[in-house]
Amino acid sequence: MEKLTEQVHSLSVKTRDRIPVAKEGYPFIFFAAFFTLITAILHITVIAFAGLGMTALVLYFFRDPHRIVSADPEDVVAPADGFVVEVKESSYPEQPASPCKKIGIFMTIFDVHVNRAPCPGRILKVCHQPGKFISAQKPSASIQNERNTVILETPKGEKVVLVQVAGLIARRIVFWFEEGDYVQKGDRIGMIRFGSRVDLYVPAGWNIKVSRGQRVKAGETLICKMT
């Protein structure tokens, strides 16, 4: 029985490796595939081909590729795929007296939308805030748009704040952990559907390694050093 359990677990792991798709995409993928199948059975050729294309696009959007995460404990990795739209001195959200550095990453509809933990830490707080849905490329989106704020405490007791920001098209923010949970660097922590941005606030003394306009990959690109 134990051997059978191990085989099932092994098969499950291999299956996940072969199908790198975010679980949030399953309903959309199944619907698109079912629609394509029905139209194909009914010999509605043009619509069936359109459905096949739609299915491929949905699969592409919800892709969740494997990433190689740095083992250096001082490295902080990008929390999202996309390009850097902001790198500046700032203050922690709702704490104007606490200086920090802010890195804003904008995700287009063509980017991977699974977000990852930038560093290891314990989740102190998760706060969802309603708001507007203006273009996520604008700096004002960080404070005006609907967003999900996650406060992490690193093993050294330093504070890192990650903010998932909704955008003009993105209306669904997903976060897969709860307060009190511990995450490792590079862990998949959530996603934002159909284009948006993620803002990262780190201690003022940390050394930023990216610049505005640079493309980054979640869990893989070094964006700053803790020292």
C-alpha atoms as a PDB file:
ATOM      1  CA  MET A   1       0.000   0.000   0.000  1.00  0.00           C
ATOM      2  CA  GLU A   2       2.843   2.374   0.909  1.00  0.00           C
ATOM      3  CA  LYS A   3       4.575   1.595  -2.390  1.00  0.00           C
ATOM      4  CA  LEU A   4       1.359   2.326  -4.313  1.00  0.00           C
ATOM      5  CA  THR A   5       1.016   5.664  -2.506  1.00  0.00           C
ATOM      6  CA  GLU A   6       4.574   6.597  -3.450  1.00  0.00           C
ATOM      7  CA  GLN A   7       3.864   5.691  -7.100  1.00  0.00           C
ATOM      8  CA  VAL A   8       0.712   7.816  -7.156  1.00  0.00           C
ATOM      9  CA  HIS A   9       2.597  10.746  -5.601  1.00  0.00           C
ATOM     10  CA  SER A  10       5.413  10.333  -8.140  1.00  0.00           C
ATOM     11  CA  LEU A  11       2.890  10.291 -10.999  1.00  0.00           C
ATOM     12  CA  SER A  12       1.223  13.407  -9.596  1.00  0.00           C
ATOM     13  CA  VAL A  13       4.547  15.266  -9.451  1.00  0.00           C
ATOM     14  CA  LYS A  14       5.451  14.205 -12.994  1.00  0.00           C
ATOM     15  CA  THR A  15       2.021  15.304 -14.231  1.00  0.00           C
ATOM     16  CA  ARG A  16       2.482  18.749 -12.672  1.00  0.00           C
ATOM     17  CA  ASP A  17       5.880  18.980 -14.337  1.00  0.00           C
ATOM     18  CA  ARG A  18       4.423  18.061 -17.724  1.00  0.00           C
ATOM     19  CA  ILE A  19       1.489  20.472 -17.444  1.00  0.00           C
ATOM     20  CA  PRO A  20       2.893  23.781 -16.160  1.00  0.00           C
ATOM     21  CA  VAL A  21      -0.441  25.604 -15.948  1.00  0.00           C
ATOM     22  CA  ALA A  22      -1.773  27.646 -13.016  1.00  0.00           C
ATOM     23  CA  LYS A  23      -4.761  25.993 -11.347  1.00  0.00           C
ATOM     24  CA  GLU A  24      -6.722  29.262 -11.622  1.00  0.00           C
ATOM     25  CA  GLY A  25      -6.815  28.698 -15.377  1.00  0.00           C
ATOM     26  CA  TYR A  26      -8.457  25.266 -15.322  1.00  0.00           C
ATOM     27  CA  PRO A  27     -12.100  26.486 -15.608  1.00  0.00           C
ATOM     28  CA  PHE A  28     -11.219  28.778 -18.528  1.00  0.00           C
ATOM     29  CA  ILE A  29      -9.202  26.082 -20.291  1.00  0.00           C
ATOM     30  CA  PHE A  30     -11.900  23.418 -19.847  1.00  0.00           C
ATOM     31  CA  PHE A  31     -14.617  25.789 -21.088  1.00  0.00           C
ATOM     32  CA  ALA A  32     -12.621  26.775 -24.186  1.00  0.00           C
ATOM     33  CA  ALA A  33     -11.736  23.143 -24.933  1.00  0.00           C
ATOM     34  CA  PHE A  34     -15.348  21.988 -24.420  1.00  0.00           C
ATOM     35  CA  PHE A  35     -16.637  24.752 -26.717  1.00  0.00           C
ATOM     36  CA  THR A  36     -14.106  23.721 -29.362  1.00  0.00           C
ATOM     37  CA  LEU A  37     -15.070  20.049 -29.058  1.00  0.00           C
ATOM     38  CA  ILE A  38     -18.808  20.718 -29.424  1.00  0.00           C
ATOM     39  CA  THR A  39     -18.373  22.924 -32.486  1.00  0.00           C
ATOM     40  CA  ALA A  40     -16.046  20.335 -34.032  1.00  0.00           C
ATOM     41  CA  ILE A  41     -18.616  17.560 -33.450  1.00  0.00           C
ATOM     42  CA  LEU A  42     -21.266  19.744 -35.083  1.00  0.00           C
ATOM     43  CA  HIS A  43     -18.903  20.348 -38.022  1.00  0.00           C
ATOM     44  CA  ILE A  44     -18.959  24.131 -37.559  1.00  0.00           C
ATOM     45  CA  THR A  45     -15.450  24.319 -38.929  1.00  0.00           C
ATOM     46  CA  VAL A  46     -14.714  28.042 -38.783  1.00  0.00           C
ATOM     47  CA  ILE A  47     -15.938  28.407 -35.211  1.00  0.00           C
ATOM     48  CA  ALA A  48     -14.156  25.198 -34.191  1.00  0.00           C
ATOM     49  CA  PHE A  49     -10.839  26.587 -35.444  1.00  0.00           C
ATOM     50  CA  ALA A  50     -11.562  29.861 -33.635  1.00  0.00           C
ATOM     51  CA  GLY A  51     -12.241  27.864 -30.471  1.00  0.00           C
ATOM     52  CA  LEU A  52      -8.982  25.992 -30.900  1.00  0.00           C
ATOM     53  CA  GLY A  53      -7.137  29.291 -31.150  1.00  0.00           C
ATOM     54  CA  MET A  54      -8.950  30.582 -28.063  1.00  0.00           C
ATOM     55  CA  THR A  55      -7.989  27.451 -26.129  1.00  0.00           C
ATOM     56  CA  ALA A  56      -4.342  27.900 -27.111  1.00  0.00           C
ATOM     57  CA  LEU A  57      -4.406  31.552 -26.003  1.00  0.00           C
ATOM     58  CA  VAL A  58      -5.954  30.667 -22.631  1.00  0.00           C
ATOM     59  CA  LEU A  59      -3.336  27.947 -22.089  1.00  0.00           C
ATOM     60  CA  TYR A  60      -0.607  30.432 -22.960  1.00  0.00           C
ATOM     61  CA  PHE A  61      -1.948  33.053 -20.562  1.00  0.00           C
ATOM     62  CA  PHE A  62      -2.186  30.667 -17.599  1.00  0.00           C
ATOM     63  CA  ARG A  63       1.213  29.055 -18.183  1.00  0.00           C
ATOM     64  CA  ASP A  64       3.277  28.511 -15.059  1.00  0.00           C
ATOM     65  CA  PRO A  65       6.858  27.643 -16.103  1.00  0.00           C
ATOM     66  CA  HIS A  66       9.520  26.254 -13.802  1.00  0.00           C
ATOM     67  CA  ARG A  67      11.975  28.844 -12.510  1.00  0.00           C
ATOM     68  CA  ILE A  68      15.506  28.449 -11.127  1.00  0.00           C
ATOM     69  CA  VAL A  69      15.639  30.350  -7.833  1.00  0.00           C
ATOM     70  CA  SER A  70      18.906  31.747  -6.462  1.00  0.00           C
ATOM     71  CA  ALA A  71      20.243  29.912  -3.412  1.00  0.00           C
ATOM     72  CA  ASP A  72      22.054  33.013  -2.098  1.00  0.00           C
ATOM     73  CA  PRO A  73      20.163  34.085   1.083  1.00  0.00           C
ATOM     74  CA  GLU A  74      20.999  37.735   0.369  1.00  0.00           C
ATOM     75  CA  ASP A  75      19.336  37.700  -3.074  1.00  0.00           C
ATOM     76  CA  VAL A  76      15.826  39.090  -3.514  1.00  0.00           C
ATOM     77  CA  VAL A  77      14.081  37.947  -6.694  1.00  0.00           C
ATOM     78  CA  ALA A  78      11.370  39.523  -8.822  1.00  0.00           C
ATOM     79  CA  PRO A  79       7.827  38.825  -7.564  1.00  0.00           C
ATOM     80  CA  ALA A  80       6.359  39.097 -11.075  1.00  0.00           C
ATOM     81  CA  ASP A  81       7.143  38.791 -14.767  1.00  0.00           C
ATOM     82  CA  GLY A  82       7.106  41.990 -16.809  1.00  0.00           C
ATOM     83  CA  PHE A  83       9.101  45.181 -17.063  1.00  0.00           C
ATOM     84  CA  VAL A  84      10.183  47.576 -14.344  1.00  0.00           C
ATOM     85  CA  VAL A  85       8.173  50.810 -14.420  1.00  0.00           C
ATOM     86  CA  GLU A  86       9.350  52.327 -11.119  1.00  0.00           C
ATOM     87  CA  VAL A  87      12.510  52.326  -9.032  1.00  0.00           C
ATOM     88  CA  LYS A  88      12.553  55.048  -6.406  1.00  0.00           C
ATOM     89  CA  GLU A  89      12.900  56.112  -2.801  1.00  0.00           C
ATOM     90  CA  SER A  90       9.534  55.782  -1.115  1.00  0.00           C
ATOM     91  CA  SER A  91       7.801  54.934   2.147  1.00  0.00           C
ATOM     92  CA  TYR A  92       5.921  51.836   3.181  1.00  0.00           C
ATOM     93  CA  PRO A  93       2.209  51.829   2.241  1.00  0.00           C
ATOM     94  CA  GLU A  94       0.202  53.791   4.809  1.00  0.00           C
ATOM     95  CA  GLN A  95       3.410  54.482   6.807  1.00  0.00           C
ATOM     96  CA  PRO A  96       4.783  57.774   5.422  1.00  0.00           C
ATOM     97  CA  ALA A  97       7.334  58.031   8.239  1.00  0.00           C
ATOM     98  CA  SER A  98       9.018  54.737   7.289  1.00  0.00           C
ATOM     99  CA  PRO A  99      11.474  55.233   4.382  1.00  0.00           C
ATOM    100  CA  CYS A 100      12.076  52.366   1.965  1.00  0.00           C
ATOM    101  CA  LYS A 101      12.736  51.625  -1.695  1.00  0.00           C
ATOM    102  CA  LYS A 102       9.980  50.808  -4.181  1.00  0.00           C
ATOM    103  CA  ILE A 103      10.193  48.651  -7.296  1.00  0.00           C
ATOM    104  CA  GLY A 104       7.137  48.558  -9.569  1.00  0.00           C
ATOM    105  CA  ILE A 105       6.726  45.769 -12.152  1.00  0.00           C
ATOM    106  CA  PHE A 106       4.080  45.964 -14.887  1.00  0.00           C
ATOM    107  CA  MET A 107       2.708  42.744 -16.383  1.00  0.00           C
ATOM    108  CA  THR A 108       1.285  42.843 -19.890  1.00  0.00           C
ATOM    109  CA  ILE A 109      -1.377  40.375 -20.990  1.00  0.00           C
ATOM    110  CA  PHE A 110       1.401  38.317 -22.624  1.00  0.00           C
ATOM    111  CA  ASP A 111       3.467  37.842 -19.440  1.00  0.00           C
ATOM    112  CA  VAL A 112       3.306  34.934 -17.003  1.00  0.00           C
ATOM    113  CA  HIS A 113       0.871  36.067 -14.304  1.00  0.00           C
ATOM    114  CA  VAL A 114       1.832  33.773 -11.443  1.00  0.00           C
ATOM    115  CA  ASN A 115       3.406  35.834  -8.658  1.00  0.00           C
ATOM    116  CA  ARG A 116       6.233  34.513  -6.480  1.00  0.00           C
ATOM    117  CA  ALA A 117       7.694  35.312  -3.068  1.00  0.00           C
ATOM    118  CA  PRO A 118      10.689  37.665  -3.461  1.00  0.00           C
ATOM    119  CA  CYS A 119      12.384  36.346  -0.330  1.00  0.00           C
ATOM    120  CA  PRO A 120      11.703  33.951   2.545  1.00  0.00           C
ATOM    121  CA  GLY A 121       9.576  35.213   5.380  1.00  0.00           C
ATOM    122  CA  ARG A 122       6.516  34.939   7.561  1.00  0.00           C
ATOM    123  CA  ILE A 123       3.310  36.594   6.402  1.00  0.00           C
ATOM    124  CA  LEU A 124       2.363  39.129   9.054  1.00  0.00           C
ATOM    125  CA  LYS A 125      -0.623  40.652   7.295  1.00  0.00           C
ATOM    126  CA  VAL A 126      -2.763  40.300   4.170  1.00  0.00           C
ATOM    127  CA  CYS A 127      -5.086  43.193   3.379  1.00  0.00           C
ATOM    128  CA  HIS A 128      -7.376  43.514   0.357  1.00  0.00           C
ATOM    129  CA  GLN A 129      -8.380  47.078  -0.508  1.00  0.00           C
ATOM    130  CA  PRO A 130     -11.093  48.013  -3.037  1.00  0.00           C
ATOM    131  CA  GLY A 131     -10.350  50.778  -5.523  1.00  0.00           C
ATOM    132  CA  LYS A 132     -10.334  51.912  -9.134  1.00  0.00           C
ATOM    133  CA  PHE A 133      -9.167  50.102 -12.271  1.00  0.00           C
ATOM    134  CA  ILE A 134      -7.017  52.667 -14.066  1.00  0.00           C
ATOM    135  CA  SER A 135      -4.046  51.612 -16.219  1.00  0.00           C
ATOM    136  CA  ALA A 136      -1.551  49.775 -14.011  1.00  0.00           C
ATOM    137  CA  GLN A 137       1.373  51.450 -15.805  1.00  0.00           C
ATOM    138  CA  LYS A 138       0.539  54.752 -14.122  1.00  0.00           C
ATOM    139  CA  PRO A 139       2.291  55.412 -10.767  1.00  0.00           C
ATOM    140  CA  SER A 140      -1.034  56.535  -9.280  1.00  0.00           C
ATOM    141  CA  ALA A 141      -2.404  52.993  -9.753  1.00  0.00           C
ATOM    142  CA  SER A 142      -0.388  51.919  -6.696  1.00  0.00           C
ATOM    143  CA  ILE A 143      -2.644  53.942  -4.400  1.00  0.00           C
ATOM    144  CA  GLN A 144      -5.873  54.305  -6.398  1.00  0.00           C
ATOM    145  CA  ASN A 145      -6.510  50.824  -7.786  1.00  0.00           C
ATOM    146  CA  GLU A 146      -7.918  47.765  -6.114  1.00  0.00           C
ATOM    147  CA  ARG A 147      -5.000  45.935  -4.515  1.00  0.00           C
ATOM    148  CA  ASN A 148      -3.869  43.219  -2.148  1.00  0.00           C
ATOM    149  CA  THR A 149      -1.133  44.159   0.323  1.00  0.00           C
ATOM    150  CA  VAL A 150       1.078  41.442   1.824  1.00  0.00           C
ATOM    151  CA  ILE A 151       3.530  42.208   4.634  1.00  0.00           C
ATOM    152  CA  LEU A 152       6.430  39.786   5.055  1.00  0.00           C
ATOM    153  CA  GLU A 153       8.892  39.551   7.907  1.00  0.00           C
ATOM    154  CA  THR A 154      12.268  38.152   6.803  1.00  0.00           C
ATOM    155  CA  PRO A 155      14.283  35.729   8.981  1.00  0.00           C
ATOM    156  CA  LYS A 156      16.349  38.754  10.093  1.00  0.00           C
ATOM    157  CA  GLY A 157      13.230  40.611  11.207  1.00  0.00           C
ATOM    158  CA  GLU A 158      13.179  43.112   8.329  1.00  0.00           C
ATOM    159  CA  LYS A 159       9.938  44.106   6.615  1.00  0.00           C
ATOM    160  CA  VAL A 160       9.114  43.567   2.953  1.00  0.00           C
ATOM    161  CA  VAL A 161       5.778  44.649   1.497  1.00  0.00           C
ATOM    162  CA  LEU A 162       4.384  43.170  -1.710  1.00  0.00           C
ATOM    163  CA  VAL A 163       1.334  44.770  -3.318  1.00  0.00           C
ATOM    164  CA  GLN A 164      -0.658  43.057  -6.063  1.00  0.00           C
ATOM    165  CA  VAL A 165      -2.376  45.844  -7.998  1.00  0.00           C
ATOM    166  CA  ALA A 166      -5.382  45.380 -10.293  1.00  0.00           C
ATOM    167  CA  GLY A 167      -5.347  47.162 -13.649  1.00  0.00           C
ATOM    168  CA  LEU A 168      -7.540  48.378 -16.482  1.00  0.00           C
ATOM    169  CA  ILE A 169      -8.335  44.831 -17.623  1.00  0.00           C
ATOM    170  CA  ALA A 170      -7.274  42.800 -14.581  1.00  0.00           C
ATOM    171  CA  ARG A 171     -10.175  42.535 -12.141  1.00  0.00           C
ATOM    172  CA  ARG A 172      -9.241  39.428 -10.202  1.00  0.00           C
ATOM    173  CA  ILE A 173      -6.421  39.287  -7.641  1.00  0.00           C
ATOM    174  CA  VAL A 174      -5.650  35.877  -6.133  1.00  0.00           C
ATOM    175  CA  PHE A 175      -3.418  35.159  -3.123  1.00  0.00           C
ATOM    176  CA  TRP A 176      -2.896  31.565  -1.992  1.00  0.00           C
ATOM    177  CA  PHE A 177      -1.510  32.038   1.549  1.00  0.00           C
ATOM    178  CA  GLU A 178      -2.807  33.311   4.872  1.00  0.00           C
ATOM    179  CA  GLU A 179      -1.475  35.376   7.752  1.00  0.00           C
ATOM    180  CA  GLY A 180       0.980  33.358   9.810  1.00  0.00           C
ATOM    181  CA  ASP A 181       2.119  31.207   6.889  1.00  0.00           C
ATOM    182  CA  TYR A 182       5.819  30.987   6.046  1.00  0.00           C
ATOM    183  CA  VAL A 183       6.971  31.218   2.426  1.00  0.00           C
ATOM    184  CA  GLN A 184      10.266  30.377   0.799  1.00  0.00           C
ATOM    185  CA  LYS A 185      11.930  32.538  -1.846  1.00  0.00           C
ATOM    186  CA  GLY A 186      10.442  31.764  -5.239  1.00  0.00           C
ATOM    187  CA  ASP A 187       7.275  30.101  -3.892  1.00  0.00           C
ATOM    188  CA  ARG A 188       4.176  30.625  -6.019  1.00  0.00           C
ATOM    189  CA  ILE A 189       1.975  32.894  -3.927  1.00  0.00           C
ATOM    190  CA  GLY A 190      -0.832  34.035  -6.236  1.00  0.00           C
ATOM    191  CA  MET A 191      -1.681  35.688  -9.531  1.00  0.00           C
ATOM    192  CA  ILE A 192      -3.520  38.595 -11.158  1.00  0.00           C
ATOM    193  CA  ARG A 193      -5.672  37.779 -14.170  1.00  0.00           C
ATOM    194  CA  PHE A 194      -5.204  39.560 -17.472  1.00  0.00           C
ATOM    195  CA  GLY A 195      -2.489  42.172 -17.009  1.00  0.00           C
ATOM    196  CA  SER A 196      -1.556  44.338 -14.029  1.00  0.00           C
ATOM    197  CA  ARG A 197       1.370  45.191 -11.749  1.00  0.00           C
ATOM    198  CA  VAL A 198       3.152  44.199  -8.548  1.00  0.00           C
ATOM    199  CA  ASP A 199       4.888  46.740  -6.319  1.00  0.00           C
ATOM    200  CA  LEU A 200       7.633  45.699  -3.934  1.00  0.00           C
ATOM    201  CA  TYR A 201       8.749  47.828  -0.969  1.00  0.00           C
ATOM    202  CA  VAL A 202      12.071  46.868   0.628  1.00  0.00           C
ATOM    203  CA  PRO A 203      14.263  48.379   3.376  1.00  0.00           C
ATOM    204  CA  ALA A 204      16.047  51.581   2.373  1.00  0.00           C
ATOM    205  CA  GLY A 205      19.483  50.015   2.926  1.00  0.00           C
ATOM    206  CA  TRP A 206      19.008  47.212   0.416  1.00  0.00           C
ATOM    207  CA  ASN A 207      20.958  47.424  -2.852  1.00  0.00           C
ATOM    208  CA  ILE A 208      18.699  47.650  -5.927  1.00  0.00           C
ATOM    209  CA  LYS A 209      19.962  45.679  -8.958  1.00  0.00           C
ATOM    210  CA  VAL A 210      17.382  46.592 -11.628  1.00  0.00           C
ATOM    211  CA  SER A 211      16.566  49.739 -13.544  1.00  0.00           C
ATOM    212  CA  ARG A 212      13.488  51.203 -15.146  1.00  0.00           C
ATOM    213  CA  GLY A 213      12.533  49.527 -18.429  1.00  0.00           C
ATOM    214  CA  GLN A 214      14.304  46.259 -17.611  1.00  0.00           C
ATOM    215  CA  ARG A 215      12.441  42.995 -18.183  1.00  0.00           C
ATOM    216  CA  VAL A 216      12.318  40.597 -15.229  1.00  0.00           C
ATOM    217  CA  LYS A 217      11.134  37.057 -14.490  1.00  0.00           C
ATOM    218  CA  ALA A 218       9.334  36.091 -11.294  1.00  0.00           C
ATOM    219  CA  GLY A 219      11.413  33.926  -8.959  1.00  0.00           C
ATOM    220  CA  GLU A 220      14.482  34.167 -11.152  1.00  0.00           C
ATOM    221  CA  THR A 221      15.675  37.740 -11.827  1.00  0.00           C
ATOM    222  CA  LEU A 222      17.782  39.314  -9.070  1.00  0.00           C
ATOM    223  CA  ILE A 223      16.193  42.664  -8.235  1.00  0.00           C
ATOM    224  CA  CYS A 224      18.074  43.601  -5.086  1.00  0.00           C
ATOM    225  CA  LYS A 225      20.504  42.480  -2.409  1.00  0.00           C
ATOM    226  CA  MET A 226      19.706  42.554   1.269  1.00  0.00           C
ATOM    227  CA  THR A 227      23.077  44.205   1.962  1.00  0.00           C
END
